[in-house]
Amino acid sequence: MSVAFTKEESSETASETLLPDRPISPHPNLVTEAGLKALELQLRQAREAYGAASAIEDVNDRRRQQANPLRDVRYFAARVHTAQLVPDPTSVENVAFGSTVTFSRDDGRVQTYRIVGEDEADPKTGSISFVSPVATLLMGKAVGDVVEAGGQELEILAIS
């Protein structure tokens, strides 16, 4: 093996192992109880993956396998550290963090979402981030209130 090939492989390995940090939102890290548990689980899983990769004998392969888990450990450790646990809302009078809100759109669609933290938001499973455009419009509103979003009117039908 030539020295040039060895150096090239090392520089490729270095670029594969020096991953940039995952971006962290500038918004407050509000979480529900389930969201905090999910962050803690993801941190634990990232640490386990990093530990498993540490057992790989080949140094270049070990570094490559550790890169993603190490980046995830940094991200989830920061998110757990900055998490601000918000208790479930005590009232269903107004939309708040943790509320589940059902609204209708002009086109007849009826949608239901729970308003949660950024890391636990998943619109496909019925949750949206409290900083999403729709959630920010709905926060503080009551049943019967109408807000405009993207050229459509949304009417709040229920809050739970």
Protein backbone atom coordinates (compact mmCIF):
# COMPACT_ATOMS: atom_id res chain seq x y z
CA MET A 1 0.00 0.00 0.00
CA SER A 2 1.39 3.39 -0.94
CA VAL A 3 1.79 6.19 1.58
CA ALA A 4 -0.39 8.46 -0.59
CA PHE A 5 -3.27 5.98 -0.38
CA THR A 6 -2.90 5.70 3.39
CA LYS A 7 -3.03 9.48 3.82
CA GLU A 8 -6.04 9.78 1.53
CA GLU A 9 -7.86 7.10 3.50
CA SER A 10 -7.02 8.91 6.74
CA SER A 11 -8.36 12.22 5.46
CA GLU A 12 -11.53 10.52 4.26
CA THR A 13 -11.92 8.88 7.66
CA ALA A 14 -11.40 12.22 9.38
CA SER A 15 -14.12 13.86 7.29
CA GLU A 16 -16.47 10.99 8.09
CA THR A 17 -15.82 11.23 11.82
CA LEU A 18 -16.00 14.99 12.30
CA LEU A 19 -19.70 15.50 11.81
CA PRO A 20 -21.19 18.93 12.47
CA ASP A 21 -23.47 19.22 15.48
CA ARG A 22 -27.19 18.86 14.93
CA PRO A 23 -28.78 22.30 14.94
CA ILE A 24 -30.42 23.30 18.22
CA SER A 25 -33.48 25.50 18.06
CA PRO A 26 -33.27 29.01 19.48
CA HIS A 27 -36.74 28.56 21.04
CA PRO A 28 -37.23 27.51 24.66
CA ASN A 29 -37.01 23.73 24.96
CA LEU A 30 -40.52 23.12 26.29
CA VAL A 31 -41.40 19.45 26.73
CA THR A 32 -44.30 17.34 27.90
CA GLU A 33 -43.63 14.51 30.35
CA ALA A 34 -43.69 12.03 27.46
CA GLY A 35 -41.36 14.30 25.46
CA LEU A 36 -38.81 14.41 28.28
CA LYS A 37 -38.92 10.62 28.64
CA ALA A 38 -38.41 10.26 24.89
CA LEU A 39 -35.38 12.59 24.97
CA GLU A 40 -33.87 10.63 27.87
CA LEU A 41 -34.45 7.35 26.00
CA GLN A 42 -32.83 8.73 22.84
CA LEU A 43 -29.84 9.92 24.88
CA ARG A 44 -29.50 6.49 26.48
CA GLN A 45 -29.73 4.78 23.06
CA ALA A 46 -27.10 7.12 21.57
CA ARG A 47 -24.75 6.39 24.49
CA GLU A 48 -25.29 2.65 24.02
CA ALA A 49 -24.59 2.91 20.28
CA TYR A 50 -21.42 4.89 21.00
CA GLY A 51 -20.34 2.28 23.56
CA ALA A 52 -20.97 -0.55 21.10
CA ALA A 53 -18.94 1.24 18.42
CA SER A 54 -16.09 1.71 20.91
CA ALA A 55 -15.55 -2.05 20.91
CA ILE A 56 -14.64 -2.11 17.20
CA GLU A 57 -10.95 -2.95 16.85
CA ASP A 58 -10.11 -1.18 13.59
CA VAL A 59 -9.51 2.45 14.56
CA ASN A 60 -10.83 3.93 11.30
CA ASP A 61 -13.96 1.78 11.32
CA ARG A 62 -14.48 2.55 15.02
CA ARG A 63 -14.30 6.30 14.38
CA ARG A 64 -16.75 6.03 11.48
CA GLN A 65 -19.19 3.99 13.58
CA GLN A 66 -18.88 6.38 16.55
CA ALA A 67 -19.49 9.58 14.55
CA ASN A 68 -23.31 9.56 14.44
CA PRO A 69 -23.85 8.29 17.99
CA LEU A 70 -21.37 10.86 19.35
CA ARG A 71 -23.18 13.67 17.55
CA ASP A 72 -26.51 12.35 18.88
CA VAL A 73 -25.13 12.13 22.43
CA ARG A 74 -24.12 15.80 22.26
CA TYR A 75 -27.51 16.82 20.88
CA PHE A 76 -29.70 14.80 23.24
CA ALA A 77 -27.57 15.67 26.29
CA ALA A 78 -28.07 19.36 25.48
CA ARG A 79 -31.80 18.89 24.91
CA VAL A 80 -32.28 16.96 28.18
CA HIS A 81 -30.21 19.56 30.03
CA THR A 82 -32.25 22.49 28.70
CA ALA A 83 -35.66 20.77 28.83
CA GLN A 84 -38.37 22.76 30.57
CA LEU A 85 -41.08 20.34 31.68
CA VAL A 86 -44.52 21.86 31.19
CA PRO A 87 -47.34 20.16 33.10
CA ASP A 88 -50.48 19.16 31.22
CA PRO A 89 -52.96 22.03 30.93
CA THR A 90 -55.46 22.22 33.78
CA SER A 91 -58.14 23.90 31.67
CA VAL A 92 -59.71 23.21 28.32
CA GLU A 93 -60.98 26.78 27.95
CA ASN A 94 -58.03 27.94 25.82
CA VAL A 95 -55.47 26.23 23.63
CA ALA A 96 -52.19 25.83 25.52
CA PHE A 97 -48.97 23.83 25.38
CA GLY A 98 -49.99 20.18 25.80
CA SER A 99 -53.56 20.75 24.59
CA THR A 100 -55.16 18.63 21.93
CA VAL A 101 -57.07 20.88 19.57
CA THR A 102 -59.53 19.97 16.82
CA PHE A 103 -60.19 22.51 14.10
CA SER A 104 -61.89 22.65 10.73
CA ARG A 105 -60.50 24.18 7.58
CA ASP A 106 -62.32 26.05 4.82
CA ASP A 107 -61.98 23.02 2.55
CA GLY A 108 -63.95 20.86 5.00
CA ARG A 109 -61.03 18.96 6.49
CA VAL A 110 -61.15 18.45 10.24
CA GLN A 111 -57.78 17.99 11.91
CA THR A 112 -56.73 17.18 15.46
CA TYR A 113 -53.26 17.86 16.84
CA ARG A 114 -51.62 17.89 20.24
CA ILE A 115 -49.32 20.87 20.76
CA VAL A 116 -45.96 19.63 22.06
CA GLY A 117 -42.24 20.38 22.12
CA GLU A 118 -40.14 20.55 18.98
CA ASP A 119 -38.37 17.22 19.47
CA GLU A 120 -41.58 15.25 20.00
CA ALA A 121 -43.64 16.89 17.24
CA ASP A 122 -44.73 14.54 14.47
CA PRO A 123 -47.69 15.76 12.39
CA LYS A 124 -48.16 12.29 10.88
CA THR A 125 -49.00 10.94 14.34
CA GLY A 126 -51.06 13.92 15.44
CA SER A 127 -48.66 16.28 17.19
CA ILE A 128 -47.26 19.65 16.16
CA SER A 129 -44.59 21.85 17.66
CA PHE A 130 -45.68 24.81 19.76
CA VAL A 131 -43.57 27.03 17.47
CA SER A 132 -45.21 25.80 14.26
CA PRO A 133 -47.22 28.45 12.42
CA VAL A 134 -50.58 26.76 13.07
CA ALA A 135 -49.86 26.17 16.78
CA THR A 136 -48.74 29.76 17.33
CA LEU A 137 -52.00 30.99 15.79
CA LEU A 138 -54.11 28.63 17.92
CA MET A 139 -52.39 29.24 21.27
CA GLY A 140 -54.62 31.16 23.66
CA LYS A 141 -57.72 30.79 21.50
CA ALA A 142 -61.01 29.17 22.59
CA VAL A 143 -63.62 26.91 20.99
CA GLY A 144 -65.41 28.84 18.24
CA ASP A 145 -62.49 31.19 17.57
CA VAL A 146 -61.38 31.52 13.95
CA VAL A 147 -57.81 32.20 12.83
CA GLU A 148 -56.36 32.64 9.36
CA ALA A 149 -53.51 30.40 8.25
CA GLY A 150 -52.10 30.26 4.76
CA GLY A 151 -55.12 31.93 3.21
CA GLN A 152 -57.56 29.57 4.97
CA GLU A 153 -59.70 30.06 8.01
CA LEU A 154 -59.35 27.56 10.83
CA GLU A 155 -62.21 27.26 13.33
CA ILE A 156 -61.50 25.65 16.68
CA LEU A 157 -64.05 22.92 17.30
CA ALA A 158 -62.74 21.30 20.50
CA ILE A 159 -59.95 21.52 23.06
CA SER A 160 -58.96 18.66 25.33
